[in-house]
């Protein structure tokens, strides 16, 4: 159930990035960068990075790139800390 929720959220994030890319091309309503970053921070970093790479969206935009990278490093650090703490008890 948790994996399905995680995957669904990352698909939603990918679609949001796609929407923003289309709006950028067509001059439509854009998604705020802060919203895109919050979606990544809240667990959608995989969808955000996939969209950034596959759609070539926000690949050169600074400081957006640096903030997204910081979010990913933070999440990896948190995951590694949790895995280490779980193994430490045993």
C-alpha atoms as a PDB file:
ATOM      1  CA  UNK A   1       0.000   0.000   0.000  1.00  0.00           C
ATOM      2  CA  UNK A   2       2.788   2.441   0.912  1.00  0.00           C
ATOM      3  CA  UNK A   3       4.686   1.595  -2.280  1.00  0.00           C
ATOM      4  CA  UNK A   4       1.569   2.155  -4.400  1.00  0.00           C
ATOM      5  CA  UNK A   5       0.997   5.534  -2.732  1.00  0.00           C
ATOM      6  CA  UNK A   6       4.635   6.495  -3.280  1.00  0.00           C
ATOM      7  CA  UNK A   7       4.477   5.519  -6.953  1.00  0.00           C
ATOM      8  CA  UNK A   8       1.162   7.307  -7.485  1.00  0.00           C
ATOM      9  CA  UNK A   9       2.498  10.486  -5.889  1.00  0.00           C
ATOM     10  CA  UNK A  10       5.623  10.406  -8.058  1.00  0.00           C
ATOM     11  CA  UNK A  11       3.482   9.927 -11.174  1.00  0.00           C
ATOM     12  CA  UNK A  12       1.435  12.950 -10.071  1.00  0.00           C
ATOM     13  CA  UNK A  13       4.641  14.970  -9.652  1.00  0.00           C
ATOM     14  CA  UNK A  14       5.841  13.888 -13.108  1.00  0.00           C
ATOM     15  CA  UNK A  15       2.513  14.956 -14.625  1.00  0.00           C
ATOM     16  CA  UNK A  16       2.734  18.300 -12.818  1.00  0.00           C
ATOM     17  CA  UNK A  17       6.180  18.909 -14.298  1.00  0.00           C
ATOM     18  CA  UNK A  18       4.847  17.883 -17.738  1.00  0.00           C
ATOM     19  CA  UNK A  19       1.955  20.322 -17.336  1.00  0.00           C
ATOM     20  CA  UNK A  20       4.374  23.115 -16.459  1.00  0.00           C
ATOM     21  CA  UNK A  21       6.574  22.253 -19.460  1.00  0.00           C
ATOM     22  CA  UNK A  22       3.557  22.436 -21.767  1.00  0.00           C
ATOM     23  CA  UNK A  23       2.510  25.760 -20.242  1.00  0.00           C
ATOM     24  CA  UNK A  24       6.038  27.094 -20.750  1.00  0.00           C
ATOM     25  CA  UNK A  25       5.886  26.158 -24.423  1.00  0.00           C
ATOM     26  CA  UNK A  26       2.369  27.497 -24.989  1.00  0.00           C
ATOM     27  CA  UNK A  27       2.391  30.573 -22.764  1.00  0.00           C
ATOM     28  CA  UNK A  28      -0.193  29.098 -20.402  1.00  0.00           C
ATOM     29  CA  UNK A  29      -0.644  29.091 -16.634  1.00  0.00           C
ATOM     30  CA  UNK A  30       2.609  27.983 -14.951  1.00  0.00           C
ATOM     31  CA  UNK A  31       3.172  26.013 -11.779  1.00  0.00           C
ATOM     32  CA  UNK A  32       5.210  27.983  -9.230  1.00  0.00           C
ATOM     33  CA  UNK A  33       8.760  26.756  -8.752  1.00  0.00           C
ATOM     34  CA  UNK A  34       8.183  26.626  -5.013  1.00  0.00           C
ATOM     35  CA  UNK A  35       5.278  24.226  -5.610  1.00  0.00           C
ATOM     36  CA  UNK A  36       7.435  21.992  -7.801  1.00  0.00           C
ATOM     37  CA  UNK A  37      10.138  21.930  -5.136  1.00  0.00           C
ATOM     38  CA  UNK A  38       7.644  21.227  -2.329  1.00  0.00           C
ATOM     39  CA  UNK A  39       6.260  18.294  -4.321  1.00  0.00           C
ATOM     40  CA  UNK A  40       9.791  16.903  -4.600  1.00  0.00           C
ATOM     41  CA  UNK A  41      10.457  17.538  -0.897  1.00  0.00           C
ATOM     42  CA  UNK A  42       7.254  15.772   0.153  1.00  0.00           C
ATOM     43  CA  UNK A  43       8.360  12.546  -1.534  1.00  0.00           C
ATOM     44  CA  UNK A  44       8.112  13.191  -5.255  1.00  0.00           C
ATOM     45  CA  UNK A  45      11.804  13.646  -5.940  1.00  0.00           C
ATOM     46  CA  UNK A  46      11.977  10.580  -8.201  1.00  0.00           C
ATOM     47  CA  UNK A  47       9.132  11.901 -10.347  1.00  0.00           C
ATOM     48  CA  UNK A  48      10.711  15.362 -10.341  1.00  0.00           C
ATOM     49  CA  UNK A  49      14.120  14.124 -11.478  1.00  0.00           C
ATOM     50  CA  UNK A  50      12.631  11.826 -14.110  1.00  0.00           C
ATOM     51  CA  UNK A  51      10.541  14.684 -15.475  1.00  0.00           C
ATOM     52  CA  UNK A  52      13.492  17.034 -15.408  1.00  0.00           C
ATOM     53  CA  UNK A  53      15.632  14.582 -17.383  1.00  0.00           C
ATOM     54  CA  UNK A  54      13.050  13.095 -19.756  1.00  0.00           C
ATOM     55  CA  UNK A  55      11.191  16.337 -20.478  1.00  0.00           C
ATOM     56  CA  UNK A  56      14.327  18.497 -20.306  1.00  0.00           C
ATOM     57  CA  UNK A  57      12.461  20.845 -17.996  1.00  0.00           C
ATOM     58  CA  UNK A  58      14.282  23.209 -15.633  1.00  0.00           C
ATOM     59  CA  UNK A  59      17.610  21.546 -16.394  1.00  0.00           C
ATOM     60  CA  UNK A  60      19.507  24.863 -16.569  1.00  0.00           C
ATOM     61  CA  UNK A  61      17.401  26.961 -14.205  1.00  0.00           C
ATOM     62  CA  UNK A  62      19.275  28.102 -11.109  1.00  0.00           C
ATOM     63  CA  UNK A  63      18.784  28.053  -8.178  1.00  0.00           C
ATOM     64  CA  UNK A  64      16.023  25.510  -8.925  1.00  0.00           C
ATOM     65  CA  UNK A  65      18.537  22.808  -9.911  1.00  0.00           C
ATOM     66  CA  UNK A  66      20.569  23.315  -6.748  1.00  0.00           C
ATOM     67  CA  UNK A  67      17.496  23.249  -4.514  1.00  0.00           C
ATOM     68  CA  UNK A  68      16.262  20.037  -6.132  1.00  0.00           C
ATOM     69  CA  UNK A  69      19.697  18.461  -5.716  1.00  0.00           C
ATOM     70  CA  UNK A  70      19.751  19.514  -2.036  1.00  0.00           C
ATOM     71  CA  UNK A  71      16.329  17.909  -1.519  1.00  0.00           C
ATOM     72  CA  UNK A  72      17.557  14.660  -3.053  1.00  0.00           C
ATOM     73  CA  UNK A  73      20.745  14.637  -0.948  1.00  0.00           C
ATOM     74  CA  UNK A  74      18.662  15.310   2.176  1.00  0.00           C
ATOM     75  CA  UNK A  75      16.262  12.475   1.358  1.00  0.00           C
ATOM     76  CA  UNK A  76      19.079  10.014   0.636  1.00  0.00           C
ATOM     77  CA  UNK A  77      20.749  11.007   3.907  1.00  0.00           C
ATOM     78  CA  UNK A  78      17.492  10.483   5.791  1.00  0.00           C
ATOM     79  CA  UNK A  79      16.940   7.070   4.221  1.00  0.00           C
ATOM     80  CA  UNK A  80      20.506   5.980   4.993  1.00  0.00           C
ATOM     81  CA  UNK A  81      20.151   7.228   8.568  1.00  0.00           C
ATOM     82  CA  UNK A  82      16.931   5.285   9.049  1.00  0.00           C
ATOM     83  CA  UNK A  83      18.468   2.135   7.586  1.00  0.00           C
ATOM     84  CA  UNK A  84      21.532   2.509   9.790  1.00  0.00           C
ATOM     85  CA  UNK A  85      19.431   3.115  12.893  1.00  0.00           C
ATOM     86  CA  UNK A  86      17.271   0.067  12.110  1.00  0.00           C
ATOM     87  CA  UNK A  87      20.359  -2.139  11.759  1.00  0.00           C
ATOM     88  CA  UNK A  88      21.984  -0.666  14.842  1.00  0.00           C
ATOM     89  CA  UNK A  89      19.273  -2.097  17.123  1.00  0.00           C
ATOM     90  CA  UNK A  90      19.934  -5.642  15.914  1.00  0.00           C
END
